[in-house]
PDB file of N, CA and C in Angstrom:
ATOM      1  N   MET A   1     195.220 191.412  -6.964  1.00  0.00           N
ATOM      2  CA  MET A   1     195.939 192.674  -7.041  1.00  0.00           C
ATOM      3  C   MET A   1     195.524 193.558  -5.862  1.00  0.00           C
ATOM      4  N   LYS A   2     196.505 194.090  -5.167  1.00  0.00           N
ATOM      5  CA  LYS A   2     196.247 194.898  -3.982  1.00  0.00           C
ATOM      6  C   LYS A   2     195.957 196.337  -4.386  1.00  0.00           C
ATOM      7  N   ARG A   3     194.885 196.888  -3.812  1.00  0.00           N
ATOM      8  CA  ARG A   3     194.536 198.281  -4.076  1.00  0.00           C
ATOM      9  C   ARG A   3     195.247 199.179  -3.087  1.00  0.00           C
ATOM     10  N   SER A   4     195.790 200.272  -3.570  1.00  0.00           N
ATOM     11  CA  SER A   4     196.453 201.208  -2.664  1.00  0.00           C
ATOM     12  C   SER A   4     195.394 202.022  -1.912  1.00  0.00           C
ATOM     13  N   ARG A   5     195.783 202.486  -0.741  1.00  0.00           N
ATOM     14  CA  ARG A   5     194.859 203.273   0.073  1.00  0.00           C
ATOM     15  C   ARG A   5     194.595 204.609  -0.582  1.00  0.00           C
ATOM     16  N   ARG A   6     193.344 205.018  -0.530  1.00  0.00           N
ATOM     17  CA  ARG A   6     193.005 206.327  -1.074  1.00  0.00           C
ATOM     18  C   ARG A   6     193.241 207.377  -0.006  1.00  0.00           C
ATOM     19  N   LYS A   7     193.735 208.510  -0.430  1.00  0.00           N
ATOM     20  CA  LYS A   7     193.959 209.624   0.490  1.00  0.00           C
ATOM     21  C   LYS A   7     193.066 210.771   0.047  1.00  0.00           C
ATOM     22  N   PHE A   8     192.329 211.301   1.011  1.00  0.00           N
ATOM     23  CA  PHE A   8     191.386 212.362   0.717  1.00  0.00           C
ATOM     24  C   PHE A   8     191.899 213.678   1.280  1.00  0.00           C
ATOM     25  N   SER A   9     191.756 214.728   0.498  1.00  0.00           N
ATOM     26  CA  SER A   9     192.195 216.046   0.956  1.00  0.00           C
ATOM     27  C   SER A   9     191.220 216.579   1.997  1.00  0.00           C
ATOM     28  N   SER A  10     191.680 217.543   2.761  1.00  0.00           N
ATOM     29  CA  SER A  10     190.813 218.132   3.782  1.00  0.00           C
ATOM     30  C   SER A  10     189.646 218.880   3.131  1.00  0.00           C
ATOM     31  N   ASN A  11     189.875 219.438   1.943  1.00  0.00           N
ATOM     32  CA  ASN A  11     188.791 220.132   1.237  1.00  0.00           C
ATOM     33  C   ASN A  11     187.677 219.148   0.871  1.00  0.00           C
ATOM     34  N   PHE A  12     188.064 217.961   0.386  1.00  0.00           N
ATOM     35  CA  PHE A  12     187.083 216.950   0.019  1.00  0.00           C
ATOM     36  C   PHE A  12     186.304 216.483   1.247  1.00  0.00           C
ATOM     37  N   LYS A  13     187.021 216.228   2.348  1.00  0.00           N
ATOM     38  CA  LYS A  13     186.361 215.772   3.573  1.00  0.00           C
ATOM     39  C   LYS A  13     185.363 216.813   4.062  1.00  0.00           C
ATOM     40  N   THR A  14     185.759 218.082   4.025  1.00  0.00           N
ATOM     41  CA  THR A  14     184.873 219.158   4.467  1.00  0.00           C
ATOM     42  C   THR A  14     183.629 219.229   3.594  1.00  0.00           C
ATOM     43  N   LYS A  15     183.829 219.075   2.300  1.00  0.00           N
ATOM     44  CA  LYS A  15     182.705 219.109   1.358  1.00  0.00           C
ATOM     45  C   LYS A  15     181.705 217.998   1.678  1.00  0.00           C
ATOM     46  N   VAL A  16     182.209 216.794   1.920  1.00  0.00           N
ATOM     47  CA  VAL A  16     181.342 215.656   2.223  1.00  0.00           C
ATOM     48  C   VAL A  16     180.623 215.876   3.555  1.00  0.00           C
ATOM     49  N   VAL A  17     181.348 216.325   4.564  1.00  0.00           N
ATOM     50  CA  VAL A  17     180.740 216.538   5.882  1.00  0.00           C
ATOM     51  C   VAL A  17     179.666 217.616   5.813  1.00  0.00           C
ATOM     52  N   LEU A  18     179.914 218.683   5.089  1.00  0.00           N
ATOM     53  CA  LEU A  18     178.903 219.741   4.975  1.00  0.00           C
ATOM     54  C   LEU A  18     177.638 219.235   4.280  1.00  0.00           C
ATOM     55  N   GLU A  19     177.810 218.344   3.304  1.00  0.00           N
ATOM     56  CA  GLU A  19     176.639 217.762   2.657  1.00  0.00           C
ATOM     57  C   GLU A  19     175.844 216.913   3.641  1.00  0.00           C
ATOM     58  N   VAL A  20     176.544 216.177   4.491  1.00  0.00           N
ATOM     59  CA  VAL A  20     175.869 215.351   5.498  1.00  0.00           C
ATOM     60  C   VAL A  20     175.130 216.252   6.484  1.00  0.00           C
ATOM     61  N   LEU A  21     175.740 217.345   6.881  1.00  0.00           N
ATOM     62  CA  LEU A  21     175.114 218.250   7.850  1.00  0.00           C
ATOM     63  C   LEU A  21     173.886 218.960   7.277  1.00  0.00           C
ATOM     64  N   LYS A  22     173.846 219.130   5.965  1.00  0.00           N
ATOM     65  CA  LYS A  22     172.670 219.751   5.345  1.00  0.00           C
ATOM     66  C   LYS A  22     171.443 218.847   5.429  1.00  0.00           C
ATOM     67  N   GLU A  23     171.681 217.530   5.552  1.00  0.00           N
ATOM     68  CA  GLU A  23     170.632 216.523   5.694  1.00  0.00           C
ATOM     69  C   GLU A  23     169.638 216.530   4.537  1.00  0.00           C
ATOM     70  N   ARG A  24     170.076 216.823   3.350  1.00  0.00           N
ATOM     71  CA  ARG A  24     169.219 216.728   2.163  1.00  0.00           C
ATOM     72  C   ARG A  24     169.187 215.299   1.637  1.00  0.00           C
ATOM     73  N   GLU A  25     170.265 214.553   1.948  1.00  0.00           N
ATOM     74  CA  GLU A  25     170.348 213.146   1.565  1.00  0.00           C
ATOM     75  C   GLU A  25     170.829 212.358   2.774  1.00  0.00           C
ATOM     76  N   THR A  26     170.602 211.066   2.733  1.00  0.00           N
ATOM     77  CA  THR A  26     171.071 210.228   3.829  1.00  0.00           C
ATOM     78  C   THR A  26     172.574 210.008   3.693  1.00  0.00           C
ATOM     79  N   VAL A  27     173.177 209.575   4.785  1.00  0.00           N
ATOM     80  CA  VAL A  27     174.614 209.298   4.777  1.00  0.00           C
ATOM     81  C   VAL A  27     174.918 208.196   3.767  1.00  0.00           C
ATOM     82  N   GLN A  28     174.021 207.199   3.679  1.00  0.00           N
ATOM     83  CA  GLN A  28     174.228 206.103   2.751  1.00  0.00           C
ATOM     84  C   GLN A  28     174.220 206.575   1.300  1.00  0.00           C
ATOM     85  N   GLN A  29     173.341 207.498   0.970  1.00  0.00           N
ATOM     86  CA  GLN A  29     173.280 208.021  -0.397  1.00  0.00           C
ATOM     87  C   GLN A  29     174.552 208.807  -0.731  1.00  0.00           C
ATOM     88  N   ILE A  30     174.994 209.618   0.206  1.00  0.00           N
ATOM     89  CA  ILE A  30     176.221 210.394  -0.019  1.00  0.00           C
ATOM     90  C   ILE A  30     177.422 209.464  -0.132  1.00  0.00           C
ATOM     91  N   ALA A  31     177.453 208.443   0.720  1.00  0.00           N
ATOM     92  CA  ALA A  31     178.550 207.473   0.674  1.00  0.00           C
ATOM     93  C   ALA A  31     178.572 206.751  -0.664  1.00  0.00           C
ATOM     94  N   ALA A  32     177.420 206.379  -1.167  1.00  0.00           N
ATOM     95  CA  ALA A  32     177.363 205.698  -2.465  1.00  0.00           C
ATOM     96  C   ALA A  32     177.823 206.624  -3.586  1.00  0.00           C
ATOM     97  N   ARG A  33     177.432 207.895  -3.514  1.00  0.00           N
ATOM     98  CA  ARG A  33     177.819 208.835  -4.570  1.00  0.00           C
ATOM     99  C   ARG A  33     179.329 209.035  -4.626  1.00  0.00           C
ATOM    100  N   TYR A  34     179.982 209.134  -3.459  1.00  0.00           N
ATOM    101  CA  TYR A  34     181.418 209.379  -3.414  1.00  0.00           C
ATOM    102  C   TYR A  34     182.242 208.094  -3.276  1.00  0.00           C
ATOM    103  N   GLU A  35     181.556 206.944  -3.229  1.00  0.00           N
ATOM    104  CA  GLU A  35     182.206 205.640  -3.101  1.00  0.00           C
ATOM    105  C   GLU A  35     183.086 205.578  -1.845  1.00  0.00           C
ATOM    106  N   ILE A  36     182.464 205.962  -0.743  1.00  0.00           N
ATOM    107  CA  ILE A  36     183.125 205.957   0.563  1.00  0.00           C
ATOM    108  C   ILE A  36     182.223 205.176   1.516  1.00  0.00           C
ATOM    109  N   HIS A  37     182.799 204.478   2.457  1.00  0.00           N
ATOM    110  CA  HIS A  37     182.002 203.741   3.434  1.00  0.00           C
ATOM    111  C   HIS A  37     181.307 204.735   4.366  1.00  0.00           C
ATOM    112  N   PRO A  38     180.057 204.477   4.707  1.00  0.00           N
ATOM    113  CA  PRO A  38     179.322 205.393   5.595  1.00  0.00           C
ATOM    114  C   PRO A  38     180.002 205.614   6.947  1.00  0.00           C
ATOM    115  N   ASN A  39     180.686 204.586   7.457  1.00  0.00           N
ATOM    116  CA  ASN A  39     181.384 204.760   8.736  1.00  0.00           C
ATOM    117  C   ASN A  39     182.492 205.806   8.619  1.00  0.00           C
ATOM    118  N   GLN A  40     183.154 205.856   7.467  1.00  0.00           N
ATOM    119  CA  GLN A  40     184.217 206.843   7.251  1.00  0.00           C
ATOM    120  C   GLN A  40     183.630 208.255   7.304  1.00  0.00           C
ATOM    121  N   ILE A  41     182.488 208.431   6.678  1.00  0.00           N
ATOM    122  CA  ILE A  41     181.837 209.745   6.690  1.00  0.00           C
ATOM    123  C   ILE A  41     181.437 210.122   8.110  1.00  0.00           C
ATOM    124  N   SER A  42     180.937 209.159   8.866  1.00  0.00           N
ATOM    125  CA  SER A  42     180.537 209.436  10.255  1.00  0.00           C
ATOM    126  C   SER A  42     181.743 209.843  11.095  1.00  0.00           C
ATOM    127  N   MET A  43     182.898 209.207  10.860  1.00  0.00           N
ATOM    128  CA  MET A  43     184.115 209.587  11.587  1.00  0.00           C
ATOM    129  C   MET A  43     184.533 211.003  11.235  1.00  0.00           C
ATOM    130  N   TRP A  44     184.490 211.352   9.948  1.00  0.00           N
ATOM    131  CA  TRP A  44     184.852 212.709   9.526  1.00  0.00           C
ATOM    132  C   TRP A  44     183.906 213.729  10.159  1.00  0.00           C
ATOM    133  N   LYS A  45     182.618 213.388  10.198  1.00  0.00           N
ATOM    134  CA  LYS A  45     181.623 214.293  10.780  1.00  0.00           C
ATOM    135  C   LYS A  45     181.922 214.525  12.262  1.00  0.00           C
ATOM    136  N   ARG A  46     182.244 213.449  12.982  1.00  0.00           N
ATOM    137  CA  ARG A  46     182.547 213.560  14.412  1.00  0.00           C
ATOM    138  C   ARG A  46     183.791 214.430  14.623  1.00  0.00           C
ATOM    139  N   GLN A  47     184.835 214.207  13.809  1.00  0.00           N
ATOM    140  CA  GLN A  47     186.060 215.012  13.925  1.00  0.00           C
ATOM    141  C   GLN A  47     185.765 216.477  13.640  1.00  0.00           C
ATOM    142  N   PHE A  48     184.943 216.714  12.630  1.00  0.00           N
ATOM    143  CA  PHE A  48     184.593 218.080  12.248  1.00  0.00           C
ATOM    144  C   PHE A  48     183.857 218.788  13.377  1.00  0.00           C
ATOM    145  N   LEU A  49     182.888 218.114  13.956  1.00  0.00           N
ATOM    146  CA  LEU A  49     182.103 218.729  15.021  1.00  0.00           C
ATOM    147  C   LEU A  49     182.917 218.904  16.295  1.00  0.00           C
ATOM    148  N   ASP A  50     183.831 217.972  16.595  1.00  0.00           N
ATOM    149  CA  ASP A  50     184.698 218.122  17.767  1.00  0.00           C
ATOM    150  C   ASP A  50     185.634 219.314  17.614  1.00  0.00           C
ATOM    151  N   GLY A  51     186.128 219.549  16.421  1.00  0.00           N
ATOM    152  CA  GLY A  51     187.042 220.660  16.185  1.00  0.00           C
ATOM    153  C   GLY A  51     186.347 221.990  16.008  1.00  0.00           C
ATOM    154  N   ALA A  52     185.045 221.951  15.724  1.00  0.00           N
ATOM    155  CA  ALA A  52     184.305 223.190  15.472  1.00  0.00           C
ATOM    156  C   ALA A  52     184.199 224.054  16.718  1.00  0.00           C
ATOM    157  N   GLU A  53     184.166 223.451  17.886  1.00  0.00           N
ATOM    158  CA  GLU A  53     184.041 224.207  19.133  1.00  0.00           C
ATOM    159  C   GLU A  53     185.240 225.134  19.336  1.00  0.00           C
ATOM    160  N   GLY A  54     186.413 224.685  18.940  1.00  0.00           N
ATOM    161  CA  GLY A  54     187.626 225.471  19.128  1.00  0.00           C
ATOM    162  C   GLY A  54     187.717 226.695  18.238  1.00  0.00           C
ATOM    163  N   VAL A  55     186.913 226.747  17.180  1.00  0.00           N
ATOM    164  CA  VAL A  55     186.962 227.893  16.264  1.00  0.00           C
ATOM    165  C   VAL A  55     186.589 229.174  16.987  1.00  0.00           C
ATOM    166  N   PHE A  56     185.594 229.110  17.846  1.00  0.00           N
ATOM    167  CA  PHE A  56     185.129 230.308  18.529  1.00  0.00           C
ATOM    168  C   PHE A  56     185.870 230.566  19.821  1.00  0.00           C
ATOM    169  N   ASN A  57     186.616 229.596  20.300  1.00  0.00           N
ATOM    170  CA  ASN A  57     187.422 229.783  21.500  1.00  0.00           C
ATOM    171  C   ASN A  57     188.791 230.364  21.183  1.00  0.00           C
ATOM    172  N   GLY A  58     189.152 230.366  19.938  1.00  0.00           N
ATOM    173  CA  GLY A  58     190.463 230.862  19.550  1.00  0.00           C
ATOM    174  C   GLY A  58     191.545 229.794  19.660  1.00  0.00           C
ATOM    175  N   ASP A  59     191.161 228.536  19.898  1.00  0.00           N
ATOM    176  CA  ASP A  59     192.130 227.458  20.018  1.00  0.00           C
ATOM    177  C   ASP A  59     192.729 227.079  18.673  1.00  0.00           C
ATOM    178  N   VAL A  60     191.962 227.239  17.621  1.00  0.00           N
ATOM    179  CA  VAL A  60     192.429 226.852  16.294  1.00  0.00           C
ATOM    180  C   VAL A  60     193.257 227.990  15.719  1.00  0.00           C
ATOM    181  N   LYS A  61     194.489 227.677  15.331  1.00  0.00           N
ATOM    182  CA  LYS A  61     195.373 228.694  14.763  1.00  0.00           C
ATOM    183  C   LYS A  61     195.129 228.806  13.266  1.00  0.00           C
ATOM    184  N   ALA A  62     195.446 229.945  12.731  1.00  0.00           N
ATOM    185  CA  ALA A  62     195.338 230.131  11.296  1.00  0.00           C
ATOM    186  C   ALA A  62     196.367 229.238  10.609  1.00  0.00           C
ATOM    187  N   PRO A  63     196.025 228.676   9.466  1.00  0.00           N
ATOM    188  CA  PRO A  63     196.958 227.769   8.788  1.00  0.00           C
ATOM    189  C   PRO A  63     198.298 228.422   8.461  1.00  0.00           C
ATOM    190  N   GLU A  64     198.283 229.700   8.100  1.00  0.00           N
ATOM    191  CA  GLU A  64     199.534 230.377   7.751  1.00  0.00           C
ATOM    192  C   GLU A  64     200.448 230.488   8.967  1.00  0.00           C
ATOM    193  N   LYS A  65     199.870 230.851  10.100  1.00  0.00           N
ATOM    194  CA  LYS A  65     200.662 231.017  11.314  1.00  0.00           C
ATOM    195  C   LYS A  65     201.231 229.677  11.759  1.00  0.00           C
ATOM    196  N   ARG A  66     200.425 228.641  11.679  1.00  0.00           N
ATOM    197  CA  ARG A  66     200.870 227.316  12.071  1.00  0.00           C
ATOM    198  C   ARG A  66     202.018 226.856  11.168  1.00  0.00           C
ATOM    199  N   SER A  67     201.892 227.091   9.867  1.00  0.00           N
ATOM    200  CA  SER A  67     202.946 226.652   8.954  1.00  0.00           C
ATOM    201  C   SER A  67     204.227 227.462   9.155  1.00  0.00           C
ATOM    202  N   GLU A  68     204.097 228.735   9.514  1.00  0.00           N
ATOM    203  CA  GLU A  68     205.286 229.546   9.786  1.00  0.00           C
ATOM    204  C   GLU A  68     206.006 229.032  11.031  1.00  0.00           C
ATOM    205  N   GLU A  69     205.231 228.645  12.046  1.00  0.00           N
ATOM    206  CA  GLU A  69     205.832 228.110  13.264  1.00  0.00           C
ATOM    207  C   GLU A  69     206.538 226.788  12.978  1.00  0.00           C
ATOM    208  N   GLU A  70     205.894 225.928  12.185  1.00  0.00           N
ATOM    209  CA  GLU A  70     206.506 224.651  11.820  1.00  0.00           C
ATOM    210  C   GLU A  70     207.776 224.874  11.007  1.00  0.00           C
ATOM    211  N   GLN A  71     207.730 225.844  10.098  1.00  0.00           N
ATOM    212  CA  GLN A  71     208.892 226.134   9.262  1.00  0.00           C
ATOM    213  C   GLN A  71     210.058 226.626  10.119  1.00  0.00           C
ATOM    214  N   ALA A  72     209.782 227.506  11.067  1.00  0.00           N
ATOM    215  CA  ALA A  72     210.842 227.999  11.946  1.00  0.00           C
ATOM    216  C   ALA A  72     211.432 226.862  12.772  1.00  0.00           C
ATOM    217  N   LYS A  73     210.571 225.981  13.257  1.00  0.00           N
ATOM    218  CA  LYS A  73     211.026 224.834  14.033  1.00  0.00           C
ATOM    219  C   LYS A  73     211.927 223.924  13.181  1.00  0.00           C
ATOM    220  N   LEU A  74     211.531 223.709  11.939  1.00  0.00           N
ATOM    221  CA  LEU A  74     212.322 222.851  11.053  1.00  0.00           C
ATOM    222  C   LEU A  74     213.662 223.489  10.695  1.00  0.00           C
ATOM    223  N   TYR A  75     213.673 224.809  10.468  1.00  0.00           N
ATOM    224  CA  TYR A  75     214.942 225.491  10.179  1.00  0.00           C
ATOM    225  C   TYR A  75     215.893 225.376  11.374  1.00  0.00           C
ATOM    226  N   LYS A  76     215.352 225.472  12.573  1.00  0.00           N
ATOM    227  CA  LYS A  76     216.173 225.347  13.772  1.00  0.00           C
ATOM    228  C   LYS A  76     216.773 223.947  13.844  1.00  0.00           C
ATOM    229  N   LYS A  77     215.975 222.946  13.554  1.00  0.00           N
ATOM    230  CA  LYS A  77     216.449 221.556  13.587  1.00  0.00           C
ATOM    231  C   LYS A  77     217.505 221.331  12.507  1.00  0.00           C
ATOM    232  N   ILE A  78     217.309 221.893  11.327  1.00  0.00           N
ATOM    233  CA  ILE A  78     218.291 221.757  10.245  1.00  0.00           C
ATOM    234  C   ILE A  78     219.616 222.370  10.660  1.00  0.00           C
ATOM    235  N   GLY A  79     219.569 223.543  11.288  1.00  0.00           N
ATOM    236  CA  GLY A  79     220.795 224.190  11.765  1.00  0.00           C
ATOM    237  C   GLY A  79     221.523 223.335  12.783  1.00  0.00           C
ATOM    238  N   GLN A  80     220.777 222.769  13.704  1.00  0.00           N
ATOM    239  CA  GLN A  80     221.374 221.908  14.732  1.00  0.00           C
ATOM    240  C   GLN A  80     222.029 220.687  14.092  1.00  0.00           C
ATOM    241  N   LEU A  81     221.356 220.072  13.150  1.00  0.00           N
ATOM    242  CA  LEU A  81     221.915 218.887  12.487  1.00  0.00           C
ATOM    243  C   LEU A  81     223.152 219.242  11.665  1.00  0.00           C
ATOM    244  N   GLN A  82     223.140 220.421  11.055  1.00  0.00           N
ATOM    245  CA  GLN A  82     224.300 220.846  10.260  1.00  0.00           C
ATOM    246  C   GLN A  82     225.519 221.040  11.160  1.00  0.00           C
ATOM    247  N   VAL A  83     225.322 221.604  12.339  1.00  0.00           N
ATOM    248  CA  VAL A  83     226.424 221.777  13.294  1.00  0.00           C
ATOM    249  C   VAL A  83     226.979 220.415  13.697  1.00  0.00           C
ATOM    250  N   GLU A  84     226.099 219.463  13.944  1.00  0.00           N
ATOM    251  CA  GLU A  84     226.540 218.119  14.315  1.00  0.00           C
ATOM    252  C   GLU A  84     227.338 217.466  13.193  1.00  0.00           C
ATOM    253  N   VAL A  85     226.880 217.623  11.964  1.00  0.00           N
ATOM    254  CA  VAL A  85     227.587 217.047  10.816  1.00  0.00           C
ATOM    255  C   VAL A  85     228.970 217.667  10.678  1.00  0.00           C
ATOM    256  N   ASP A  86     229.051 218.981  10.796  1.00  0.00           N
ATOM    257  CA  ASP A  86     230.352 219.653  10.698  1.00  0.00           C
ATOM    258  C   ASP A  86     231.300 219.172  11.792  1.00  0.00           C
ATOM    259  N   PHE A  87     230.799 219.037  13.018  1.00  0.00           N
ATOM    260  CA  PHE A  87     231.622 218.562  14.123  1.00  0.00           C
ATOM    261  C   PHE A  87     232.149 217.154  13.845  1.00  0.00           C
ATOM    262  N   LEU A  88     231.267 216.292  13.376  1.00  0.00           N
ATOM    263  CA  LEU A  88     231.682 214.919  13.107  1.00  0.00           C
ATOM    264  C   LEU A  88     232.672 214.838  11.944  1.00  0.00           C
ATOM    265  N   LYS A  89     232.516 215.690  10.959  1.00  0.00           N
ATOM    266  CA  LYS A  89     233.478 215.715   9.841  1.00  0.00           C
ATOM    267  C   LYS A  89     234.865 216.114  10.344  1.00  0.00           C
ATOM    268  N   LYS A  90     234.910 217.119  11.207  1.00  0.00           N
ATOM    269  CA  LYS A  90     236.200 217.563  11.754  1.00  0.00           C
ATOM    270  C   LYS A  90     236.811 216.473  12.620  1.00  0.00           C
ATOM    271  N   ALA A  91     236.002 215.833  13.442  1.00  0.00           N
ATOM    272  CA  ALA A  91     236.510 214.763  14.299  1.00  0.00           C
ATOM    273  C   ALA A  91     237.017 213.595  13.463  1.00  0.00           C
ATOM    274  N   TRP A  92     236.350 213.291  12.399  1.00  0.00           N
ATOM    275  CA  TRP A  92     236.763 212.196  11.523  1.00  0.00           C
ATOM    276  C   TRP A  92     238.078 212.542  10.817  1.00  0.00           C
ATOM    277  N   ALA A  93     238.233 213.801  10.424  1.00  0.00           N
ATOM    278  CA  ALA A  93     239.445 214.224   9.729  1.00  0.00           C
ATOM    279  C   ALA A  93     240.659 214.159  10.663  1.00  0.00           C
ATOM    280  N   ARG A  94     240.441 214.371  11.959  1.00  0.00           N
ATOM    281  CA  ARG A  94     241.538 214.330  12.919  1.00  0.00           C
ATOM    282  C   ARG A  94     242.029 212.916  13.196  1.00  0.00           C
ATOM    283  N   THR A  95     241.181 211.946  12.974  1.00  0.00           N
ATOM    284  CA  THR A  95     241.620 210.573  13.224  1.00  0.00           C
ATOM    285  C   THR A  95     242.652 210.189  12.178  1.00  0.00           C
ATOM    286  N   GLU A  96     243.608 209.379  12.608  1.00  0.00           N
ATOM    287  CA  GLU A  96     244.696 208.995  11.714  1.00  0.00           C
ATOM    288  C   GLU A  96     244.196 207.944  10.735  1.00  0.00           C
ATOM    289  N   PRO A  97     244.304 208.224   9.446  1.00  0.00           N
ATOM    290  CA  PRO A  97     243.890 207.222   8.476  1.00  0.00           C
ATOM    291  C   PRO A  97     244.849 206.025   8.541  1.00  0.00           C
ATOM    292  N   VAL A  98     244.305 204.846   8.583  1.00  0.00           N
ATOM    293  CA  VAL A  98     245.102 203.638   8.704  1.00  0.00           C
ATOM    294  C   VAL A  98     244.943 202.839   7.421  1.00  0.00           C
ATOM    295  N   SER A  99     246.072 202.472   6.827  1.00  0.00           N
ATOM    296  CA  SER A  99     246.006 201.668   5.617  1.00  0.00           C
ATOM    297  C   SER A  99     245.685 200.231   5.993  1.00  0.00           C
ATOM    298  N   GLN A 100     245.332 199.440   5.021  1.00  0.00           N
ATOM    299  CA  GLN A 100     244.990 198.039   5.271  1.00  0.00           C
ATOM    300  C   GLN A 100     246.202 197.267   5.796  1.00  0.00           C
ATOM    301  N   ALA A 101     247.376 197.584   5.280  1.00  0.00           N
ATOM    302  CA  ALA A 101     248.578 196.875   5.714  1.00  0.00           C
ATOM    303  C   ALA A 101     248.873 197.175   7.187  1.00  0.00           C
ATOM    304  N   GLN A 102     248.749 198.448   7.572  1.00  0.00           N
ATOM    305  CA  GLN A 102     248.998 198.816   8.962  1.00  0.00           C
ATOM    306  C   GLN A 102     247.938 198.221   9.881  1.00  0.00           C
ATOM    307  N   ALA A 103     246.740 198.137   9.402  1.00  0.00           N
ATOM    308  CA  ALA A 103     245.669 197.594  10.218  1.00  0.00           C
ATOM    309  C   ALA A 103     245.930 196.124  10.514  1.00  0.00           C
ATOM    310  N   GLY A 104     246.490 195.399   9.548  1.00  0.00           N
ATOM    311  CA  GLY A 104     246.805 193.995   9.756  1.00  0.00           C
ATOM    312  C   GLY A 104     247.912 193.809  10.772  1.00  0.00           C
ATOM    313  N   GLN A 105     248.884 194.725  10.787  1.00  0.00           N
ATOM    314  CA  GLN A 105     249.996 194.610  11.727  1.00  0.00           C
ATOM    315  C   GLN A 105     249.539 194.922  13.151  1.00  0.00           C
ATOM    316  N   ARG A 106     248.606 195.818  13.300  1.00  0.00           N
ATOM    317  CA  ARG A 106     248.156 196.235  14.626  1.00  0.00           C
ATOM    318  C   ARG A 106     247.151 195.268  15.234  1.00  0.00           C
ATOM    319  N   ARG A 107     246.632 194.378  14.424  1.00  0.00           N
ATOM    320  CA  ARG A 107     245.583 193.498  14.907  1.00  0.00           C
ATOM    321  C   ARG A 107     246.110 192.643  16.054  1.00  0.00           C
ATOM    322  N   ALA A 108     245.356 192.565  17.087  1.00  0.00           N
ATOM    323  CA  ALA A 108     245.776 191.790  18.254  1.00  0.00           C
ATOM    324  C   ALA A 108     245.715 190.307  17.931  1.00  0.00           C
ATOM    325  N   ARG A 109     246.665 189.587  18.475  1.00  0.00           N
ATOM    326  CA  ARG A 109     246.675 188.144  18.264  1.00  0.00           C
ATOM    327  C   ARG A 109     245.671 187.526  19.216  1.00  0.00           C
ATOM    328  N   PRO A 110     245.040 186.448  18.773  1.00  0.00           N
ATOM    329  CA  PRO A 110     244.055 185.810  19.654  1.00  0.00           C
ATOM    330  C   PRO A 110     244.734 185.204  20.871  1.00  0.00           C
ATOM    331  N   VAL A 111     244.102 185.327  21.979  1.00  0.00           N
ATOM    332  CA  VAL A 111     244.621 184.786  23.225  1.00  0.00           C
ATOM    333  C   VAL A 111     244.184 183.329  23.329  1.00  0.00           C
ATOM    334  N   GLU A 112     245.149 182.486  23.634  1.00  0.00           N
ATOM    335  CA  GLU A 112     244.819 181.070  23.762  1.00  0.00           C
ATOM    336  C   GLU A 112     244.193 180.862  25.125  1.00  0.00           C
ATOM    337  N   TYR A 113     243.261 179.945  25.166  1.00  0.00           N
ATOM    338  CA  TYR A 113     242.589 179.631  26.412  1.00  0.00           C
ATOM    339  C   TYR A 113     243.423 178.602  27.170  1.00  0.00           C
ATOM    340  N   ILE A 114     243.812 178.955  28.362  1.00  0.00           N
ATOM    341  CA  ILE A 114     244.564 178.053  29.217  1.00  0.00           C
ATOM    342  C   ILE A 114     243.681 177.751  30.415  1.00  0.00           C
ATOM    343  N   PRO A 115     243.318 176.494  30.573  1.00  0.00           N
ATOM    344  CA  PRO A 115     242.424 176.169  31.693  1.00  0.00           C
ATOM    345  C   PRO A 115     243.136 176.363  33.033  1.00  0.00           C
ATOM    346  N   ALA A 116     242.378 176.776  34.003  1.00  0.00           N
ATOM    347  CA  ALA A 116     242.933 176.983  35.340  1.00  0.00           C
ATOM    348  C   ALA A 116     243.181 175.626  35.989  1.00  0.00           C
ATOM    349  N   VAL A 117     244.314 175.531  36.683  1.00  0.00           N
ATOM    350  CA  VAL A 117     244.691 174.251  37.324  1.00  0.00           C
ATOM    351  C   VAL A 117     244.091 174.142  38.696  1.00  0.00           C
TER     352      VAL A 117
END
């Protein structure tokens, strides 16, 4: 039986990384307690420390501001797609509907192959 991948929230990852940074227990002990591989914890720790530098530089945006920007971007994309759909609906309506009987009459006859002499 195949096990599905576990997904960890950012809150959980932060909690684990902060425990590792406190150095009250070894990484192996923390990994055993949370049933996570020690390499995974080390990767989270590295990501956390790499991103920590940007907090004081102002590079990291507030989550609310970032989500508002993403939302505005998505609304713009939705509007663009809606315009495209409306255009295509109008173009489709302008095309002449062809019944099956008419389609059979208009079908081109196959061209016979005549070898060159």
